[in-house]
Amino acid sequence: MKNIGINGYGTIGKRVADAVSAQDDMKIVGVTKRSPDFEAQMAVKKGYDLYISAPEKESQFEEAGIEVSGTADELFEKLDLVVDCTPGGIGSQNKTEIYEKIGLKAIFEGGEDHDAIGSSFNAEANYESNIGKDYVRVVSCNTTGLCRTLKPVYDLAGIKKVRAVMVRRAADPNDAKKGPINAIVPTTEVPSHHGPDVQTIIPDVTVITMALMVPTTLMHTHNIMVELENNVTTDDVLDAFKEAYRVLPIQKSLKLGSTAEIMEYAKDLGRSRGNMYEIPVWEESVNVEDGELFYMQAVHQESDVVPENVDAIRAMLELEDDGEKSIIKTNKAMGIL
């Protein structure tokens, strides 16, 4: 059992903590919080030892009645690896100022730059190249979604070029400080950062992405167009999606025609927090015309990267040298379809 810690018990951190706890070859030794809040309370209630990343705030935790086990630095001394789920940009600072100095392996999330970390990760696309690494970045929710579906297409038919339009949710459901409320906001930088990010995982694929933000909180959606190198049929692509470990073909005809219905489906599956770890692809949208593939997919921004973090732990700590075996193990423990 490898000792794992979570630095930043928030939207992603708390989900990764639960996912790690479901495995039989790793365990959560502790989690960190900077300020006392309901997530800190819940961490203690769930049995996680809580460490504070801002020692000067210890009295605030005491006043809130939240039991603290020590400081973040004390937690780090007990770990084989830390999963850094702090806000974007903070993780790369932690890498140079803390983890490298004490020789602690660390995983970072998609808010960090690839160059600052040195290696990016997606379980089905490049697990083996990250075995034994000290520092790895699990790519963002949108990049994870693109890699999950482009990799089986790449393996099936080869890819000349990808064009994708990302329709992004404005904020997570619990975020009361962000908008827009009544606007569609385009990202005028083309390509958006998602395309180059995919190339940190699948370097041979040319991907150009455009993005816009819409006033919803549930999920992102992607409209994807792929120029194929080899002739395949729509059924061939659908079969490839069905065989992929974390892609979930769904049918609009079964009242799964919107992100709201997909989220309700996740709840009906009994998923903790309504998580949808897989990438749903609308079967009706999958179509091959004149050597070009078209399809639409959805991305649950709060949870699709969670199983990738578990597999990254196995790769980095050399618990499993076969990526497929790690994926199967993680999926079984987490109830992924």
Protein backbone atom coordinates (compact mmCIF):
# COMPACT_ATOMS: atom_id res chain seq x y z
CA MET A 1 0.00 0.00 0.00
CA LYS A 2 1.56 3.26 -1.15
CA ASN A 3 1.02 6.40 0.92
CA ILE A 4 -0.73 9.14 -1.04
CA GLY A 5 -1.65 12.68 0.00
CA ILE A 6 -3.91 15.29 -1.57
CA ASN A 7 -2.68 18.87 -1.52
CA GLY A 8 -5.87 20.87 -2.05
CA TYR A 9 -9.07 19.11 -0.99
CA GLY A 10 -11.45 20.87 -3.40
CA THR A 11 -13.51 19.97 -6.46
CA ILE A 12 -10.91 17.62 -7.94
CA GLY A 13 -8.95 16.81 -4.78
CA LYS A 14 -11.87 15.35 -2.87
CA ARG A 15 -12.84 13.17 -5.80
CA VAL A 16 -9.29 11.91 -6.24
CA ALA A 17 -9.11 11.14 -2.52
CA ASP A 18 -12.20 8.95 -2.73
CA ALA A 19 -10.93 7.25 -5.91
CA VAL A 20 -7.58 6.43 -4.29
CA SER A 21 -9.37 5.13 -1.21
CA ALA A 22 -11.28 2.67 -3.42
CA GLN A 23 -8.03 1.01 -4.62
CA ASP A 24 -6.28 -1.89 -2.87
CA ASP A 25 -2.70 -0.84 -3.63
CA MET A 26 -2.70 2.75 -2.34
CA LYS A 27 -4.21 4.74 0.51
CA ILE A 28 -4.85 8.33 1.52
CA VAL A 29 -2.63 9.36 4.42
CA GLY A 30 -3.97 12.89 4.58
CA VAL A 31 -5.41 15.87 2.73
CA THR A 32 -4.72 19.59 3.00
CA LYS A 33 -6.90 22.67 3.24
CA ARG A 34 -5.93 26.31 3.45
CA SER A 35 -9.10 27.60 5.13
CA PRO A 36 -11.83 26.04 7.28
CA ASP A 37 -14.96 25.37 5.26
CA PHE A 38 -17.54 22.65 4.68
CA GLU A 39 -15.10 20.63 2.57
CA ALA A 40 -12.63 20.62 5.47
CA GLN A 41 -15.41 19.48 7.78
CA MET A 42 -16.44 16.73 5.38
CA ALA A 43 -12.86 15.51 4.97
CA VAL A 44 -12.63 14.89 8.72
CA LYS A 45 -16.09 13.31 8.84
CA LYS A 46 -15.06 10.93 6.04
CA GLY A 47 -12.05 9.86 8.08
CA TYR A 48 -9.29 11.71 6.25
CA ASP A 49 -6.57 13.24 8.40
CA LEU A 50 -6.61 16.97 7.71
CA TYR A 51 -3.44 19.05 7.44
CA ILE A 52 -3.32 22.81 7.01
CA SER A 53 -1.29 24.49 4.28
CA ALA A 54 -1.45 27.88 6.06
CA PRO A 55 -0.26 27.20 9.65
CA GLU A 56 -1.09 30.77 10.68
CA LYS A 57 -4.78 29.88 10.27
CA GLU A 58 -4.74 27.04 12.80
CA SER A 59 -6.80 29.08 15.27
CA GLN A 60 -9.52 29.51 12.62
CA PHE A 61 -9.80 25.73 12.28
CA GLU A 62 -10.00 25.41 16.07
CA GLU A 63 -12.74 28.04 16.24
CA ALA A 64 -14.67 26.15 13.54
CA GLY A 65 -14.32 22.92 15.52
CA ILE A 66 -12.35 21.21 12.75
CA GLU A 67 -9.71 18.78 13.97
CA VAL A 68 -6.28 19.27 12.41
CA SER A 69 -3.57 16.59 12.30
CA GLY A 70 -0.68 18.93 11.52
CA THR A 71 0.79 21.08 8.78
CA ALA A 72 1.13 20.27 5.09
CA ASP A 73 4.89 19.98 5.49
CA GLU A 74 4.37 17.30 8.14
CA LEU A 75 2.04 15.43 5.78
CA PHE A 76 4.54 15.52 2.91
CA GLU A 77 7.13 13.71 5.06
CA LYS A 78 4.81 10.68 5.28
CA LEU A 79 4.08 10.27 1.56
CA ASP A 80 5.29 8.27 -1.40
CA LEU A 81 3.49 10.70 -3.72
CA VAL A 82 1.32 13.81 -3.48
CA VAL A 83 -1.49 14.74 -5.86
CA ASP A 84 -1.43 18.52 -6.11
CA CYS A 85 -4.94 19.83 -6.73
CA THR A 86 -4.24 23.44 -5.84
CA PRO A 87 -5.40 26.30 -8.13
CA GLY A 88 -3.65 26.68 -11.47
CA GLY A 89 -0.14 28.09 -11.20
CA ILE A 90 0.25 27.19 -7.51
CA GLY A 91 1.19 23.61 -8.33
CA SER A 92 4.24 24.55 -10.38
CA GLN A 93 5.38 26.80 -7.51
CA ASN A 94 4.96 23.91 -5.10
CA LYS A 95 7.02 21.72 -7.42
CA THR A 96 10.08 23.95 -7.27
CA GLU A 97 9.69 25.33 -3.75
CA ILE A 98 8.64 22.15 -1.92
CA TYR A 99 8.48 18.81 -3.75
CA GLU A 100 11.82 18.96 -5.55
CA LYS A 101 13.59 20.07 -2.38
CA ILE A 102 12.30 17.13 -0.33
CA GLY A 103 12.41 14.56 -3.15
CA LEU A 104 8.64 13.93 -3.23
CA LYS A 105 6.96 12.63 -6.40
CA ALA A 106 3.95 14.71 -7.44
CA ILE A 107 1.00 14.72 -9.82
CA PHE A 108 -0.40 18.03 -11.05
CA GLU A 109 -3.66 18.94 -12.75
CA GLY A 110 -4.42 20.59 -16.08
CA GLY A 111 -4.19 24.13 -14.74
CA GLU A 112 -0.40 23.82 -14.82
CA ASP A 113 1.66 24.33 -17.98
CA HIS A 114 3.15 21.25 -19.60
CA ASP A 115 6.60 22.82 -19.81
CA ALA A 116 6.64 23.63 -16.09
CA ILE A 117 5.98 20.00 -15.15
CA GLY A 118 7.77 18.19 -17.97
CA SER A 119 5.37 15.34 -18.74
CA SER A 120 1.64 15.07 -19.42
CA PHE A 121 -0.55 12.01 -18.89
CA ASN A 122 -3.54 10.18 -20.31
CA ALA A 123 -3.92 6.55 -19.31
CA GLU A 124 -4.96 5.05 -22.65
CA ALA A 125 -2.63 7.20 -24.75
CA ASN A 126 0.74 7.36 -22.96
CA TYR A 127 0.72 5.41 -19.68
CA GLU A 128 3.96 3.56 -20.43
CA SER A 129 5.96 6.72 -21.15
CA ASN A 130 5.21 8.00 -17.65
CA ILE A 131 6.35 4.92 -15.71
CA GLY A 132 8.74 5.92 -12.95
CA LYS A 133 8.42 9.67 -13.59
CA ASP A 134 8.84 12.03 -10.64
CA TYR A 135 6.50 14.77 -11.89
CA VAL A 136 3.49 14.29 -14.14
CA ARG A 137 0.62 16.51 -15.20
CA VAL A 138 -2.82 14.98 -15.74
CA VAL A 139 -4.21 17.08 -18.59
CA SER A 140 -7.36 19.16 -18.21
CA CYS A 141 -10.91 17.86 -18.38
CA ASN A 142 -11.34 19.03 -21.98
CA THR A 143 -7.99 17.68 -23.13
CA THR A 144 -8.74 14.39 -21.38
CA GLY A 145 -12.04 14.22 -23.24
CA LEU A 146 -10.39 14.83 -26.59
CA CYS A 147 -7.64 12.28 -25.96
CA ARG A 148 -10.13 9.63 -24.81
CA THR A 149 -11.96 9.64 -28.15
CA LEU A 150 -9.22 10.68 -30.57
CA LYS A 151 -6.86 7.89 -29.49
CA PRO A 152 -9.18 5.03 -30.59
CA VAL A 153 -9.87 6.89 -33.85
CA TYR A 154 -6.12 7.34 -34.37
CA ASP A 155 -5.51 3.64 -33.75
CA LEU A 156 -8.38 2.62 -36.03
CA ALA A 157 -7.91 4.82 -39.08
CA GLY A 158 -5.07 7.27 -38.57
CA ILE A 159 -5.67 11.01 -38.41
CA LYS A 160 -4.71 13.70 -40.91
CA LYS A 161 -6.19 16.63 -39.05
CA VAL A 162 -8.64 17.44 -36.26
CA ARG A 163 -10.89 20.47 -35.92
CA ALA A 164 -12.93 20.84 -32.73
CA VAL A 165 -15.24 23.45 -31.26
CA MET A 166 -15.36 23.39 -27.46
CA VAL A 167 -18.58 24.64 -25.89
CA ARG A 168 -17.47 25.23 -22.33
CA ARG A 169 -19.52 25.52 -19.17
CA ALA A 170 -19.09 28.87 -17.45
CA ALA A 171 -18.36 27.56 -13.95
CA ASP A 172 -18.69 24.52 -11.73
CA PRO A 173 -22.12 24.10 -10.09
CA ASN A 174 -20.86 25.25 -6.67
CA ASP A 175 -19.11 28.37 -7.94
CA ALA A 176 -21.23 31.43 -7.13
CA LYS A 177 -18.63 34.00 -8.18
CA LYS A 178 -18.37 33.42 -11.93
CA GLY A 179 -20.40 34.11 -15.04
CA PRO A 180 -21.51 34.75 -17.66
CA ILE A 181 -25.17 34.75 -16.67
CA ASN A 182 -26.72 35.95 -19.92
CA ALA A 183 -24.06 35.82 -22.60
CA ILE A 184 -22.03 33.57 -24.89
CA VAL A 185 -18.36 34.46 -24.64
CA PRO A 186 -16.02 33.34 -27.45
CA THR A 187 -12.36 32.62 -26.85
CA THR A 188 -10.95 34.68 -29.68
CA GLU A 189 -7.50 33.10 -29.50
CA VAL A 190 -7.28 30.46 -32.24
CA PRO A 191 -6.27 27.81 -31.68
CA SER A 192 -7.46 27.66 -28.11
CA HIS A 193 -5.03 26.01 -25.72
CA HIS A 194 -6.80 22.64 -25.95
CA GLY A 195 -5.34 21.65 -29.33
CA PRO A 196 -1.68 22.14 -28.40
CA ASP A 197 -2.44 20.42 -25.12
CA VAL A 198 -3.65 17.29 -26.93
CA GLN A 199 -0.33 17.25 -28.78
CA THR A 200 1.52 16.84 -25.46
CA ILE A 201 -0.21 13.44 -25.32
CA ILE A 202 -0.57 12.45 -28.99
CA PRO A 203 2.19 14.46 -30.73
CA ASP A 204 1.56 13.09 -34.22
CA VAL A 205 -1.96 14.53 -34.43
CA THR A 206 -2.61 18.05 -35.74
CA VAL A 207 -5.44 19.53 -33.68
CA ILE A 208 -6.92 23.00 -34.07
CA THR A 209 -9.52 23.97 -31.49
CA MET A 210 -11.87 26.89 -30.96
CA ALA A 211 -13.75 27.54 -27.74
CA LEU A 212 -16.64 29.52 -26.37
CA MET A 213 -18.22 29.81 -22.95
CA VAL A 214 -21.95 29.46 -22.31
CA PRO A 215 -24.09 30.10 -19.20
CA THR A 216 -24.40 26.57 -17.86
CA THR A 217 -22.61 24.68 -15.08
CA LEU A 218 -23.23 21.02 -15.85
CA MET A 219 -20.79 19.89 -18.55
CA HIS A 220 -18.73 20.91 -21.56
CA THR A 221 -19.60 19.67 -25.05
CA HIS A 222 -17.29 19.15 -28.04
CA ASN A 223 -18.13 19.20 -31.75
CA ILE A 224 -15.34 17.27 -33.45
CA MET A 225 -14.36 16.89 -37.12
CA VAL A 226 -11.57 14.46 -38.04
CA GLU A 227 -9.96 13.98 -41.45
CA LEU A 228 -9.05 10.29 -41.57
CA GLU A 229 -6.04 8.70 -43.24
CA ASN A 230 -7.79 5.39 -43.98
CA ASN A 231 -11.30 4.48 -45.07
CA VAL A 232 -13.55 3.23 -42.29
CA THR A 233 -17.29 3.15 -41.75
CA THR A 234 -19.44 4.82 -39.13
CA ASP A 235 -20.01 1.41 -37.55
CA ASP A 236 -16.25 0.86 -37.33
CA VAL A 237 -15.88 4.09 -35.34
CA LEU A 238 -18.81 3.26 -33.09
CA ASP A 239 -17.29 -0.13 -32.36
CA ALA A 240 -13.99 1.54 -31.48
CA PHE A 241 -15.74 3.90 -29.08
CA LYS A 242 -17.59 0.99 -27.47
CA GLU A 243 -14.33 -0.89 -26.95
CA ALA A 244 -12.55 2.09 -25.38
CA TYR A 245 -12.36 1.84 -21.60
CA ARG A 246 -13.58 5.32 -20.70
CA VAL A 247 -15.82 6.31 -23.60
CA LEU A 248 -19.57 5.86 -23.20
CA PRO A 249 -21.68 5.81 -26.39
CA ILE A 250 -25.16 7.09 -25.52
CA GLN A 251 -28.39 7.45 -27.45
CA LYS A 252 -30.42 10.63 -27.71
CA SER A 253 -33.44 8.42 -28.39
CA LEU A 254 -33.19 7.09 -24.81
CA LYS A 255 -33.70 10.60 -23.41
CA LEU A 256 -29.98 11.23 -23.17
CA GLY A 257 -30.06 14.12 -25.58
CA SER A 258 -28.68 16.80 -23.28
CA THR A 259 -26.07 17.38 -20.61
CA ALA A 260 -28.83 17.69 -18.01
CA GLU A 261 -30.09 14.21 -18.84
CA ILE A 262 -26.57 12.78 -18.78
CA MET A 263 -26.04 14.19 -15.30
CA GLU A 264 -29.32 12.66 -14.18
CA TYR A 265 -28.16 9.34 -15.64
CA ALA A 266 -24.97 9.54 -13.58
CA LYS A 267 -27.08 10.03 -10.45
CA ASP A 268 -29.26 7.06 -11.37
CA LEU A 269 -26.09 4.98 -11.72
CA GLY A 270 -25.54 5.71 -8.03
CA ARG A 271 -22.34 7.64 -8.64
CA SER A 272 -20.90 9.61 -5.74
CA ARG A 273 -21.58 13.32 -6.32
CA GLY A 274 -23.22 12.38 -9.63
CA ASN A 275 -19.81 11.83 -11.24
CA MET A 276 -19.59 10.91 -14.91
CA TYR A 277 -16.04 9.62 -15.30
CA GLU A 278 -16.55 8.42 -18.88
CA ILE A 279 -16.79 10.61 -21.98
CA PRO A 280 -20.35 10.27 -23.35
CA VAL A 281 -20.53 10.30 -27.16
CA TRP A 282 -23.89 10.70 -28.84
CA GLU A 283 -24.19 7.73 -31.18
CA GLU A 284 -26.53 9.63 -33.50
CA SER A 285 -23.85 12.26 -34.06
CA VAL A 286 -21.19 9.81 -35.21
CA ASN A 287 -20.94 9.92 -38.99
CA VAL A 288 -18.24 9.30 -41.60
CA GLU A 289 -18.65 11.26 -44.85
CA ASP A 290 -16.05 11.33 -47.64
CA GLY A 291 -13.21 10.32 -45.37
CA GLU A 292 -14.14 12.73 -42.59
CA LEU A 293 -15.50 11.75 -39.19
CA PHE A 294 -17.98 13.91 -37.29
CA TYR A 295 -19.13 13.37 -33.71
CA MET A 296 -20.28 15.16 -30.56
CA GLN A 297 -19.33 14.39 -26.99
CA ALA A 298 -19.81 15.70 -23.46
CA VAL A 299 -17.28 16.18 -20.66
CA HIS A 300 -18.06 16.25 -16.95
CA GLN A 301 -15.44 18.76 -15.89
CA GLU A 302 -15.55 17.80 -12.21
CA SER A 303 -14.76 14.11 -12.60
CA ASP A 304 -13.43 12.83 -15.94
CA VAL A 305 -9.78 13.37 -14.89
CA VAL A 306 -10.19 11.49 -11.60
CA PRO A 307 -9.43 7.93 -12.81
CA GLU A 308 -6.47 9.31 -14.78
CA ASN A 309 -4.95 10.47 -11.49
CA VAL A 310 -5.20 6.96 -10.08
CA ASP A 311 -3.50 5.44 -13.12
CA ALA A 312 -0.82 8.13 -13.03
CA ILE A 313 -0.05 7.12 -9.44
CA ARG A 314 0.43 3.50 -10.51
CA ALA A 315 2.68 4.47 -13.40
CA MET A 316 4.86 6.83 -11.39
CA LEU A 317 5.25 4.48 -8.43
CA GLU A 318 5.74 1.52 -10.79
CA LEU A 319 2.88 -0.44 -9.24
CA GLU A 320 1.86 -1.65 -12.71
CA ASP A 321 3.86 -1.57 -15.96
CA ASP A 322 0.87 -2.38 -18.17
CA GLY A 323 -1.42 0.59 -18.70
CA GLU A 324 -4.37 -1.53 -19.76
CA LYS A 325 -4.19 -3.56 -16.56
CA SER A 326 -4.11 -0.40 -14.46
CA ILE A 327 -7.12 1.05 -16.31
CA ILE A 328 -9.13 -2.14 -15.79
CA LYS A 329 -8.21 -2.21 -12.09
CA THR A 330 -9.12 1.44 -11.59
CA ASN A 331 -12.38 1.12 -13.50
CA LYS A 332 -13.48 -1.90 -11.50
CA ALA A 333 -12.76 -0.23 -8.17
CA MET A 334 -14.59 2.96 -9.21
CA GLY A 335 -17.59 1.32 -10.92
CA ILE A 336 -16.76 2.76 -14.34
CA LEU A 337 -18.87 1.21 -17.10
